[in-house]
Structure formats: structure tokens, C-alpha cells
Amino acid sequence: QDATSYLHERGIYESSVEKFGIGYAPDSQSTMNYITSQMF
């Protein structure tokens, strides 16, 4: 919610979020768990 609220406050449309591939990086361990779960 905090990330989407920030983007909304800055005036960024959903179409722009999709066009530019904007995302959200979680905590460090979650990222590394995802990497290893995908066999990298």
C-alpha cells in the first residue's frame, strides 16, 4: 500500500506502471529465497 500510494501521489497511472515495469523489492532474505527457489 505504501508503494502504490507513493506512485499515486506522484500522479503515475497504472498504464505507466505497466509500461515501465515498476515493481517493489522486499527485504533481503525474501529476495534471496526467491532467487534460489527459481533454481538460480
PDB file of all heavy atoms in Angstrom:
ATOM      1  N   GLN A   1       0.817  -1.209   0.000  1.00  0.00           N
ATOM      2  CA  GLN A   1       0.000   0.000   0.000  1.00  0.00           C
ATOM      3  C   GLN A   1       0.855   1.265   0.000  1.00  0.00           C
ATOM      4  O   GLN A   1       0.538   2.238  -0.691  1.00  0.00           O
ATOM      5  CB  GLN A   1      -0.921   0.003   1.237  1.00  0.00           C
ATOM      6  CG  GLN A   1      -1.872   1.190   1.313  1.00  0.00           C
ATOM      7  CD  GLN A   1      -2.853   1.243   0.148  1.00  0.00           C
ATOM      8  OE1 GLN A   1      -3.375   0.216  -0.263  1.00  0.00           O
ATOM      9  NE2 GLN A   1      -3.070   2.429  -0.403  1.00  0.00           N
ATOM     10  N   ASP A   2       1.958   1.238   0.761  1.00  0.00           N
ATOM     11  CA  ASP A   2       2.804   2.435   0.838  1.00  0.00           C
ATOM     12  C   ASP A   2       3.445   2.748  -0.522  1.00  0.00           C
ATOM     13  O   ASP A   2       3.579   3.906  -0.905  1.00  0.00           O
ATOM     14  CB  ASP A   2       3.883   2.285   1.918  1.00  0.00           C
ATOM     15  CG  ASP A   2       4.638   0.960   1.839  1.00  0.00           C
ATOM     16  OD1 ASP A   2       4.292   0.120   0.986  1.00  0.00           O
ATOM     17  OD2 ASP A   2       5.580   0.764   2.642  1.00  0.00           O
ATOM     18  N   ALA A   3       3.827   1.689  -1.255  1.00  0.00           N
ATOM     19  CA  ALA A   3       4.449   1.893  -2.563  1.00  0.00           C
ATOM     20  C   ALA A   3       3.435   2.406  -3.583  1.00  0.00           C
ATOM     21  O   ALA A   3       3.704   3.366  -4.319  1.00  0.00           O
ATOM     22  CB  ALA A   3       5.088   0.604  -3.060  1.00  0.00           C
ATOM     23  N   THR A   4       2.270   1.779  -3.642  1.00  0.00           N
ATOM     24  CA  THR A   4       1.258   2.210  -4.605  1.00  0.00           C
ATOM     25  C   THR A   4       0.735   3.603  -4.263  1.00  0.00           C
ATOM     26  O   THR A   4       0.427   4.394  -5.161  1.00  0.00           O
ATOM     27  CB  THR A   4       0.089   1.210  -4.666  1.00  0.00           C
ATOM     28  OG1 THR A   4      -0.420   0.984  -3.340  1.00  0.00           O
ATOM     29  CG2 THR A   4       0.543  -0.125  -5.253  1.00  0.00           C
ATOM     30  N   SER A   5       0.650   3.931  -2.976  1.00  0.00           N
ATOM     31  CA  SER A   5       0.206   5.278  -2.565  1.00  0.00           C
ATOM     32  C   SER A   5       1.201   6.327  -3.025  1.00  0.00           C
ATOM     33  O   SER A   5       0.821   7.403  -3.505  1.00  0.00           O
ATOM     34  CB  SER A   5       0.042   5.350  -1.039  1.00  0.00           C
ATOM     35  OG  SER A   5      -0.997   4.505  -0.616  1.00  0.00           O
ATOM     36  N   TYR A   6       2.481   6.012  -2.880  1.00  0.00           N
ATOM     37  CA  TYR A   6       3.518   6.962  -3.309  1.00  0.00           C
ATOM     38  C   TYR A   6       3.399   7.227  -4.810  1.00  0.00           C
ATOM     39  O   TYR A   6       3.434   8.381  -5.256  1.00  0.00           O
ATOM     40  CB  TYR A   6       4.912   6.421  -2.979  1.00  0.00           C
ATOM     41  CG  TYR A   6       6.024   7.248  -3.575  1.00  0.00           C
ATOM     42  CD1 TYR A   6       6.436   8.429  -2.973  1.00  0.00           C
ATOM     43  CD2 TYR A   6       6.642   6.864  -4.772  1.00  0.00           C
ATOM     44  CE1 TYR A   6       7.439   9.211  -3.540  1.00  0.00           C
ATOM     45  CE2 TYR A   6       7.642   7.628  -5.339  1.00  0.00           C
ATOM     46  CZ  TYR A   6       8.040   8.804  -4.725  1.00  0.00           C
ATOM     47  OH  TYR A   6       9.022   9.566  -5.295  1.00  0.00           O
ATOM     48  N   LEU A   7       3.267   6.153  -5.597  1.00  0.00           N
ATOM     49  CA  LEU A   7       3.165   6.314  -7.046  1.00  0.00           C
ATOM     50  C   LEU A   7       1.910   7.090  -7.425  1.00  0.00           C
ATOM     51  O   LEU A   7       1.934   7.943  -8.322  1.00  0.00           O
ATOM     52  CB  LEU A   7       3.168   4.941  -7.736  1.00  0.00           C
ATOM     53  CG  LEU A   7       4.464   4.125  -7.606  1.00  0.00           C
ATOM     54  CD1 LEU A   7       4.272   2.720  -8.176  1.00  0.00           C
ATOM     55  CD2 LEU A   7       5.618   4.826  -8.313  1.00  0.00           C
ATOM     56  N   HIS A   8       0.803   6.819  -6.716  1.00  0.00           N
ATOM     57  CA  HIS A   8      -0.447   7.538  -6.984  1.00  0.00           C
ATOM     58  C   HIS A   8      -0.301   9.021  -6.654  1.00  0.00           C
ATOM     59  O   HIS A   8      -0.759   9.885  -7.417  1.00  0.00           O
ATOM     60  CB  HIS A   8      -1.585   6.916  -6.169  1.00  0.00           C
ATOM     61  CG  HIS A   8      -2.907   7.604  -6.374  1.00  0.00           C
ATOM     62  ND1 HIS A   8      -3.640   7.484  -7.534  1.00  0.00           N
ATOM     63  CD2 HIS A   8      -3.623   8.438  -5.555  1.00  0.00           C
ATOM     64  CE1 HIS A   8      -4.734   8.204  -7.435  1.00  0.00           C
ATOM     65  NE2 HIS A   8      -4.762   8.794  -6.246  1.00  0.00           N
ATOM     66  N   GLU A   9       0.344   9.318  -5.534  1.00  0.00           N
ATOM     67  CA  GLU A   9       0.559  10.713  -5.128  1.00  0.00           C
ATOM     68  C   GLU A   9       1.407  11.467  -6.147  1.00  0.00           C
ATOM     69  O   GLU A   9       1.209  12.671  -6.365  1.00  0.00           O
ATOM     70  CB  GLU A   9       1.237  10.769  -3.756  1.00  0.00           C
ATOM     71  CG  GLU A   9       0.326  10.391  -2.602  1.00  0.00           C
ATOM     72  CD  GLU A   9       1.100  10.127  -1.316  1.00  0.00           C
ATOM     73  OE1 GLU A   9       2.318  10.446  -1.276  1.00  0.00           O
ATOM     74  OE2 GLU A   9       0.509   9.587  -0.374  1.00  0.00           O
ATOM     75  N   ARG A  10       2.336  10.777  -6.766  1.00  0.00           N
ATOM     76  CA  ARG A  10       3.174  11.430  -7.775  1.00  0.00           C
ATOM     77  C   ARG A  10       2.469  11.556  -9.125  1.00  0.00           C
ATOM     78  O   ARG A  10       3.010  12.143 -10.050  1.00  0.00           O
ATOM     79  CB  ARG A  10       4.490  10.666  -7.964  1.00  0.00           C
ATOM     80  CG  ARG A  10       5.417  10.672  -6.765  1.00  0.00           C
ATOM     81  CD  ARG A  10       5.760  12.078  -6.271  1.00  0.00           C
ATOM     82  NE  ARG A  10       6.355  12.924  -7.294  1.00  0.00           N
ATOM     83  CZ  ARG A  10       7.664  13.116  -7.459  1.00  0.00           C
ATOM     84  NH1 ARG A  10       8.508  12.524  -6.644  1.00  0.00           N
ATOM     85  NH2 ARG A  10       8.110  13.912  -8.411  1.00  0.00           N
ATOM     86  N   GLY A  11       1.269  10.982  -9.220  1.00  0.00           N
ATOM     87  CA  GLY A  11       0.475  11.131 -10.442  1.00  0.00           C
ATOM     88  C   GLY A  11       0.727  10.072 -11.497  1.00  0.00           C
ATOM     89  O   GLY A  11       0.343  10.244 -12.658  1.00  0.00           O
ATOM     90  N   ILE A  12       1.360   8.968 -11.130  1.00  0.00           N
ATOM     91  CA  ILE A  12       1.705   7.925 -12.102  1.00  0.00           C
ATOM     92  C   ILE A  12       0.511   7.001 -12.330  1.00  0.00           C
ATOM     93  O   ILE A  12      -0.056   6.450 -11.392  1.00  0.00           O
ATOM     94  CB  ILE A  12       2.928   7.119 -11.626  1.00  0.00           C
ATOM     95  CG1 ILE A  12       4.152   8.040 -11.549  1.00  0.00           C
ATOM     96  CG2 ILE A  12       3.205   5.942 -12.554  1.00  0.00           C
ATOM     97  CD1 ILE A  12       5.384   7.387 -10.968  1.00  0.00           C
ATOM     98  N   TYR A  13       0.138   6.822 -13.610  1.00  0.00           N
ATOM     99  CA  TYR A  13      -1.003   5.978 -13.966  1.00  0.00           C
ATOM    100  C   TYR A  13      -0.606   4.491 -13.912  1.00  0.00           C
ATOM    101  O   TYR A  13       0.571   4.131 -14.012  1.00  0.00           O
ATOM    102  CB  TYR A  13      -1.485   6.292 -15.382  1.00  0.00           C
ATOM    103  CG  TYR A  13      -2.005   7.685 -15.601  1.00  0.00           C
ATOM    104  CD1 TYR A  13      -2.032   8.217 -16.890  1.00  0.00           C
ATOM    105  CD2 TYR A  13      -2.477   8.471 -14.542  1.00  0.00           C
ATOM    106  CE1 TYR A  13      -2.512   9.500 -17.133  1.00  0.00           C
ATOM    107  CE2 TYR A  13      -2.959   9.753 -14.772  1.00  0.00           C
ATOM    108  CZ  TYR A  13      -2.968  10.265 -16.061  1.00  0.00           C
ATOM    109  OH  TYR A  13      -3.439  11.536 -16.292  1.00  0.00           O
ATOM    110  N   GLU A  14      -1.642   3.645 -13.841  1.00  0.00           N
ATOM    111  CA  GLU A  14      -1.414   2.192 -13.892  1.00  0.00           C
ATOM    112  C   GLU A  14      -0.766   1.792 -15.215  1.00  0.00           C
ATOM    113  O   GLU A  14       0.087   0.904 -15.252  1.00  0.00           O
ATOM    114  CB  GLU A  14      -2.741   1.446 -13.729  1.00  0.00           C
ATOM    115  CG  GLU A  14      -3.189   1.250 -12.289  1.00  0.00           C
ATOM    116  CD  GLU A  14      -2.217   0.371 -11.503  1.00  0.00           C
ATOM    117  OE1 GLU A  14      -1.732  -0.642 -12.054  1.00  0.00           O
ATOM    118  OE2 GLU A  14      -1.934   0.716 -10.352  1.00  0.00           O
ATOM    119  N   SER A  15      -1.174   2.454 -16.290  1.00  0.00           N
ATOM    120  CA  SER A  15      -0.608   2.125 -17.604  1.00  0.00           C
ATOM    121  C   SER A  15       0.893   2.401 -17.636  1.00  0.00           C
ATOM    122  O   SER A  15       1.661   1.674 -18.284  1.00  0.00           O
ATOM    123  CB  SER A  15      -1.316   2.926 -18.697  1.00  0.00           C
ATOM    124  OG  SER A  15      -1.217   4.322 -18.443  1.00  0.00           O
ATOM    125  N   SER A  16       1.332   3.450 -16.917  1.00  0.00           N
ATOM    126  CA  SER A  16       2.757   3.769 -16.867  1.00  0.00           C
ATOM    127  C   SER A  16       3.513   2.770 -16.003  1.00  0.00           C
ATOM    128  O   SER A  16       4.656   2.415 -16.294  1.00  0.00           O
ATOM    129  CB  SER A  16       2.966   5.194 -16.334  1.00  0.00           C
ATOM    130  OG  SER A  16       2.416   6.142 -17.210  1.00  0.00           O
ATOM    131  N   VAL A  17       2.867   2.327 -14.919  1.00  0.00           N
ATOM    132  CA  VAL A  17       3.477   1.297 -14.061  1.00  0.00           C
ATOM    133  C   VAL A  17       3.769   0.057 -14.901  1.00  0.00           C
ATOM    134  O   VAL A  17       4.848  -0.547 -14.818  1.00  0.00           O
ATOM    135  CB  VAL A  17       2.552   0.941 -12.874  1.00  0.00           C
ATOM    136  CG1 VAL A  17       3.071  -0.285 -12.125  1.00  0.00           C
ATOM    137  CG2 VAL A  17       2.435   2.125 -11.923  1.00  0.00           C
ATOM    138  N   GLU A  18       2.811  -0.297 -15.756  1.00  0.00           N
ATOM    139  CA  GLU A  18       2.984  -1.480 -16.605  1.00  0.00           C
ATOM    140  C   GLU A  18       4.027  -1.238 -17.696  1.00  0.00           C
ATOM    141  O   GLU A  18       4.900  -2.078 -17.934  1.00  0.00           O
ATOM    142  CB  GLU A  18       1.645  -1.847 -17.242  1.00  0.00           C
ATOM    143  CG  GLU A  18       1.715  -3.111 -18.090  1.00  0.00           C
ATOM    144  CD  GLU A  18       0.354  -3.493 -18.651  1.00  0.00           C
ATOM    145  OE1 GLU A  18      -0.658  -2.888 -18.258  1.00  0.00           O
ATOM    146  OE2 GLU A  18       0.319  -4.392 -19.512  1.00  0.00           O
ATOM    147  N   LYS A  19       3.943  -0.072 -18.359  1.00  0.00           N
ATOM    148  CA  LYS A  19       4.873   0.234 -19.463  1.00  0.00           C
ATOM    149  C   LYS A  19       6.316   0.224 -18.993  1.00  0.00           C
ATOM    150  O   LYS A  19       7.199  -0.330 -19.675  1.00  0.00           O
ATOM    151  CB  LYS A  19       4.527   1.601 -20.057  1.00  0.00           C
ATOM    152  CG  LYS A  19       5.526   2.089 -21.111  1.00  0.00           C
ATOM    153  CD  LYS A  19       5.163   3.469 -21.651  1.00  0.00           C
ATOM    154  CE  LYS A  19       6.214   3.989 -22.613  1.00  0.00           C
ATOM    155  NZ  LYS A  19       5.867   5.325 -23.175  1.00  0.00           N
ATOM    156  N   PHE A  20       6.581   0.806 -17.829  1.00  0.00           N
ATOM    157  CA  PHE A  20       7.963   0.921 -17.346  1.00  0.00           C
ATOM    158  C   PHE A  20       8.374  -0.205 -16.402  1.00  0.00           C
ATOM    159  O   PHE A  20       9.489  -0.213 -15.906  1.00  0.00           O
ATOM    160  CB  PHE A  20       8.167   2.285 -16.679  1.00  0.00           C
ATOM    161  CG  PHE A  20       8.179   3.434 -17.645  1.00  0.00           C
ATOM    162  CD1 PHE A  20       7.005   4.108 -17.958  1.00  0.00           C
ATOM    163  CD2 PHE A  20       9.345   3.817 -18.282  1.00  0.00           C
ATOM    164  CE1 PHE A  20       7.009   5.152 -18.873  1.00  0.00           C
ATOM    165  CE2 PHE A  20       9.358   4.859 -19.202  1.00  0.00           C
ATOM    166  CZ  PHE A  20       8.181   5.517 -19.494  1.00  0.00           C
ATOM    167  N   GLY A  21       7.467  -1.162 -16.166  1.00  0.00           N
ATOM    168  CA  GLY A  21       7.806  -2.344 -15.366  1.00  0.00           C
ATOM    169  C   GLY A  21       8.145  -2.033 -13.921  1.00  0.00           C
ATOM    170  O   GLY A  21       8.996  -2.702 -13.316  1.00  0.00           O
ATOM    171  N   ILE A  22       7.467  -1.038 -13.335  1.00  0.00           N
ATOM    172  CA  ILE A  22       7.784  -0.630 -11.960  1.00  0.00           C
ATOM    173  C   ILE A  22       7.387  -1.739 -10.988  1.00  0.00           C
ATOM    174  O   ILE A  22       6.329  -2.368 -11.126  1.00  0.00           O
ATOM    175  CB  ILE A  22       7.046   0.684 -11.606  1.00  0.00           C
ATOM    176  CG1 ILE A  22       7.468   1.790 -12.576  1.00  0.00           C
ATOM    177  CG2 ILE A  22       7.345   1.109 -10.175  1.00  0.00           C
ATOM    178  CD1 ILE A  22       6.649   3.063 -12.458  1.00  0.00           C
ATOM    179  N   GLY A  23       8.242  -2.016 -10.003  1.00  0.00           N
ATOM    180  CA  GLY A  23       7.986  -3.079  -9.035  1.00  0.00           C
ATOM    181  C   GLY A  23       8.356  -2.664  -7.627  1.00  0.00           C
ATOM    182  O   GLY A  23       8.549  -1.474  -7.332  1.00  0.00           O
ATOM    183  N   TYR A  24       8.453  -3.674  -6.760  1.00  0.00           N
ATOM    184  CA  TYR A  24       8.813  -3.419  -5.355  1.00  0.00           C
ATOM    185  C   TYR A  24       9.738  -4.527  -4.866  1.00  0.00           C
ATOM    186  O   TYR A  24       9.430  -5.719  -5.015  1.00  0.00           O
ATOM    187  CB  TYR A  24       7.562  -3.353  -4.469  1.00  0.00           C
ATOM    188  CG  TYR A  24       7.897  -3.189  -3.003  1.00  0.00           C
ATOM    189  CD1 TYR A  24       8.241  -1.941  -2.499  1.00  0.00           C
ATOM    190  CD2 TYR A  24       7.908  -4.288  -2.138  1.00  0.00           C
ATOM    191  CE1 TYR A  24       8.578  -1.786  -1.167  1.00  0.00           C
ATOM    192  CE2 TYR A  24       8.248  -4.140  -0.801  1.00  0.00           C
ATOM    193  CZ  TYR A  24       8.583  -2.888  -0.326  1.00  0.00           C
ATOM    194  OH  TYR A  24       8.935  -2.738   0.996  1.00  0.00           O
ATOM    195  N   ALA A  25      10.895  -4.130  -4.308  1.00  0.00           N
ATOM    196  CA  ALA A  25      11.853  -5.096  -3.765  1.00  0.00           C
ATOM    197  C   ALA A  25      11.583  -5.256  -2.269  1.00  0.00           C
ATOM    198  O   ALA A  25      11.571  -4.265  -1.534  1.00  0.00           O
ATOM    199  CB  ALA A  25      13.272  -4.616  -4.004  1.00  0.00           C
ATOM    200  N   PRO A  26      11.383  -6.486  -1.789  1.00  0.00           N
ATOM    201  CA  PRO A  26      11.096  -6.716  -0.362  1.00  0.00           C
ATOM    202  C   PRO A  26      12.387  -6.729   0.467  1.00  0.00           C
ATOM    203  O   PRO A  26      13.423  -6.223   0.027  1.00  0.00           O
ATOM    204  CB  PRO A  26      10.425  -8.079  -0.389  1.00  0.00           C
ATOM    205  CG  PRO A  26      11.105  -8.794  -1.521  1.00  0.00           C
ATOM    206  CD  PRO A  26      11.399  -7.737  -2.548  1.00  0.00           C
ATOM    207  N   ASP A  27      12.326  -7.357   1.630  1.00  0.00           N
ATOM    208  CA  ASP A  27      13.527  -7.481   2.463  1.00  0.00           C
ATOM    209  C   ASP A  27      14.535  -8.395   1.783  1.00  0.00           C
ATOM    210  O   ASP A  27      14.206  -9.153   0.859  1.00  0.00           O
ATOM    211  CB  ASP A  27      13.150  -8.031   3.840  1.00  0.00           C
ATOM    212  CG  ASP A  27      12.545  -9.419   3.761  1.00  0.00           C
ATOM    213  OD1 ASP A  27      11.305  -9.519   3.558  1.00  0.00           O
ATOM    214  OD2 ASP A  27      13.295 -10.407   3.843  1.00  0.00           O
ATOM    215  N   SER A  28      15.763  -8.330   2.240  1.00  0.00           N
ATOM    216  CA  SER A  28      16.876  -9.029   1.584  1.00  0.00           C
ATOM    217  C   SER A  28      16.660 -10.534   1.515  1.00  0.00           C
ATOM    218  O   SER A  28      16.845 -11.156   0.473  1.00  0.00           O
ATOM    219  CB  SER A  28      18.185  -8.718   2.321  1.00  0.00           C
ATOM    220  OG  SER A  28      19.269  -9.328   1.675  1.00  0.00           O
ATOM    221  N   GLN A  29      16.238 -11.129   2.613  1.00  0.00           N
ATOM    222  CA  GLN A  29      16.105 -12.579   2.662  1.00  0.00           C
ATOM    223  C   GLN A  29      15.020 -13.083   1.707  1.00  0.00           C
ATOM    224  O   GLN A  29      15.185 -14.120   1.056  1.00  0.00           O
ATOM    225  CB  GLN A  29      15.795 -13.044   4.085  1.00  0.00           C
ATOM    226  CG  GLN A  29      15.988 -14.549   4.300  1.00  0.00           C
ATOM    227  CD  GLN A  29      17.391 -15.031   3.953  1.00  0.00           C
ATOM    228  OE1 GLN A  29      18.383 -14.477   4.416  1.00  0.00           O
ATOM    229  NE2 GLN A  29      17.490 -16.058   3.117  1.00  0.00           N
ATOM    230  N   SER A  30      13.930 -12.330   1.602  1.00  0.00           N
ATOM    231  CA  SER A  30      12.853 -12.743   0.689  1.00  0.00           C
ATOM    232  C   SER A  30      13.349 -12.779  -0.749  1.00  0.00           C
ATOM    233  O   SER A  30      13.008 -13.690  -1.514  1.00  0.00           O
ATOM    234  CB  SER A  30      11.671 -11.780   0.803  1.00  0.00           C
ATOM    235  OG  SER A  30      11.082 -11.849   2.084  1.00  0.00           O
ATOM    236  N   THR A  31      14.149 -11.782  -1.116  1.00  0.00           N
ATOM    237  CA  THR A  31      14.707 -11.749  -2.475  1.00  0.00           C
ATOM    238  C   THR A  31      15.592 -12.961  -2.726  1.00  0.00           C
ATOM    239  O   THR A  31      15.486 -13.633  -3.763  1.00  0.00           O
ATOM    240  CB  THR A  31      15.512 -10.454  -2.694  1.00  0.00           C
ATOM    241  OG1 THR A  31      14.620  -9.341  -2.690  1.00  0.00           O
ATOM    242  CG2 THR A  31      16.252 -10.486  -4.022  1.00  0.00           C
ATOM    243  N   MET A  32      16.464 -13.268  -1.775  1.00  0.00           N
ATOM    244  CA  MET A  32      17.388 -14.389  -1.985  1.00  0.00           C
ATOM    245  C   MET A  32      16.654 -15.727  -1.959  1.00  0.00           C
ATOM    246  O   MET A  32      17.013 -16.653  -2.684  1.00  0.00           O
ATOM    247  CB  MET A  32      18.505 -14.329  -0.953  1.00  0.00           C
ATOM    248  CG  MET A  32      19.462 -13.169  -1.240  1.00  0.00           C
ATOM    249  SD  MET A  32      20.956 -13.201  -0.267  1.00  0.00           S
ATOM    250  CE  MET A  32      20.276 -12.852   1.345  1.00  0.00           C
ATOM    251  N   ASN A  33      15.614 -15.828  -1.121  1.00  0.00           N
ATOM    252  CA  ASN A  33      14.812 -17.052  -1.115  1.00  0.00           C
ATOM    253  C   ASN A  33      14.147 -17.254  -2.474  1.00  0.00           C
ATOM    254  O   ASN A  33      14.078 -18.380  -2.986  1.00  0.00           O
ATOM    255  CB  ASN A  33      13.735 -16.983  -0.022  1.00  0.00           C
ATOM    256  CG  ASN A  33      14.333 -17.117   1.370  1.00  0.00           C
ATOM    257  OD1 ASN A  33      15.474 -17.556   1.533  1.00  0.00           O
ATOM    258  ND2 ASN A  33      13.560 -16.742   2.378  1.00  0.00           N
ATOM    259  N   TYR A  34      13.660 -16.163  -3.065  1.00  0.00           N
ATOM    260  CA  TYR A  34      13.010 -16.280  -4.370  1.00  0.00           C
ATOM    261  C   TYR A  34      14.036 -16.711  -5.426  1.00  0.00           C
ATOM    262  O   TYR A  34      13.744 -17.589  -6.256  1.00  0.00           O
ATOM    263  CB  TYR A  34      12.380 -14.948  -4.791  1.00  0.00           C
ATOM    264  CG  TYR A  34      11.780 -15.015  -6.175  1.00  0.00           C
ATOM    265  CD1 TYR A  34      10.538 -15.607  -6.386  1.00  0.00           C
ATOM    266  CD2 TYR A  34      12.493 -14.528  -7.274  1.00  0.00           C
ATOM    267  CE1 TYR A  34      10.006 -15.700  -7.663  1.00  0.00           C
ATOM    268  CE2 TYR A  34      11.963 -14.630  -8.559  1.00  0.00           C
ATOM    269  CZ  TYR A  34      10.718 -15.212  -8.748  1.00  0.00           C
ATOM    270  OH  TYR A  34      10.198 -15.322 -10.011  1.00  0.00           O
ATOM    271  N   ILE A  35      15.215 -16.149  -5.391  1.00  0.00           N
ATOM    272  CA  ILE A  35      16.251 -16.486  -6.379  1.00  0.00           C
ATOM    273  C   ILE A  35      16.583 -17.971  -6.338  1.00  0.00           C
ATOM    274  O   ILE A  35      16.624 -18.651  -7.369  1.00  0.00           O
ATOM    275  CB  ILE A  35      17.516 -15.634  -6.140  1.00  0.00           C
ATOM    276  CG1 ILE A  35      17.243 -14.168  -6.525  1.00  0.00           C
ATOM    277  CG2 ILE A  35      18.705 -16.172  -6.948  1.00  0.00           C
ATOM    278  CD1 ILE A  35      18.336 -13.206  -6.103  1.00  0.00           C
ATOM    279  N   THR A  36      16.808 -18.491  -5.150  1.00  0.00           N
ATOM    280  CA  THR A  36      17.166 -19.913  -5.026  1.00  0.00           C
ATOM    281  C   THR A  36      15.977 -20.820  -5.350  1.00  0.00           C
ATOM    282  O   THR A  36      16.154 -21.919  -5.878  1.00  0.00           O
ATOM    283  CB  THR A  36      17.699 -20.210  -3.626  1.00  0.00           C
ATOM    284  OG1 THR A  36      16.750 -19.762  -2.641  1.00  0.00           O
ATOM    285  CG2 THR A  36      19.026 -19.507  -3.383  1.00  0.00           C
ATOM    286  N   SER A  37      14.754 -20.343  -5.067  1.00  0.00           N
ATOM    287  CA  SER A  37      13.566 -21.159  -5.369  1.00  0.00           C
ATOM    288  C   SER A  37      13.365 -21.312  -6.871  1.00  0.00           C
ATOM    289  O   SER A  37      12.719 -22.261  -7.326  1.00  0.00           O
ATOM    290  CB  SER A  37      12.317 -20.531  -4.745  1.00  0.00           C
ATOM    291  OG  SER A  37      11.909 -19.370  -5.454  1.00  0.00           O
ATOM    292  N   GLN A  38      13.921 -20.386  -7.638  1.00  0.00           N
ATOM    293  CA  GLN A  38      13.810 -20.447  -9.092  1.00  0.00           C
ATOM    294  C   GLN A  38      15.012 -21.150  -9.736  1.00  0.00           C
ATOM    295  O   GLN A  38      15.220 -21.062 -10.943  1.00  0.00           O
ATOM    296  CB  GLN A  38      13.686 -19.026  -9.660  1.00  0.00           C
ATOM    297  CG  GLN A  38      12.445 -18.273  -9.204  1.00  0.00           C
ATOM    298  CD  GLN A  38      11.162 -18.966  -9.611  1.00  0.00           C
ATOM    299  OE1 GLN A  38      10.956 -19.241 -10.790  1.00  0.00           O
ATOM    300  NE2 GLN A  38      10.304 -19.270  -8.632  1.00  0.00           N
ATOM    301  N   MET A  39      15.786 -21.835  -8.898  1.00  0.00           N
ATOM    302  CA  MET A  39      16.925 -22.649  -9.341  1.00  0.00           C
ATOM    303  C   MET A  39      18.093 -21.825  -9.893  1.00  0.00           C
ATOM    304  O   MET A  39      18.884 -22.313 -10.698  1.00  0.00           O
ATOM    305  CB  MET A  39      16.497 -23.701 -10.402  1.00  0.00           C
ATOM    306  CG  MET A  39      15.410 -24.621  -9.933  1.00  0.00           C
ATOM    307  SD  MET A  39      15.860 -25.446  -8.370  1.00  0.00           S
ATOM    308  CE  MET A  39      14.335 -26.284  -7.944  1.00  0.00           C
ATOM    309  N   PHE A  40      18.189 -20.573  -9.451  1.00  0.00           N
ATOM    310  CA  PHE A  40      19.370 -19.769  -9.769  1.00  0.00           C
ATOM    311  C   PHE A  40      20.317 -19.839  -8.583  1.00  0.00           C
ATOM    312  O   PHE A  40      19.886 -19.986  -7.431  1.00  0.00           O
ATOM    313  CB  PHE A  40      18.988 -18.306 -10.023  1.00  0.00           C
ATOM    314  CG  PHE A  40      18.109 -18.101 -11.212  1.00  0.00           C
ATOM    315  CD1 PHE A  40      16.768 -17.773 -11.044  1.00  0.00           C
ATOM    316  CD2 PHE A  40      18.601 -18.232 -12.502  1.00  0.00           C
ATOM    317  CE1 PHE A  40      15.948 -17.579 -12.135  1.00  0.00           C
ATOM    318  CE2 PHE A  40      17.783 -18.040 -13.602  1.00  0.00           C
ATOM    319  CZ  PHE A  40      16.449 -17.711 -13.426  1.00  0.00           C
TER     320      PHE A  40
END
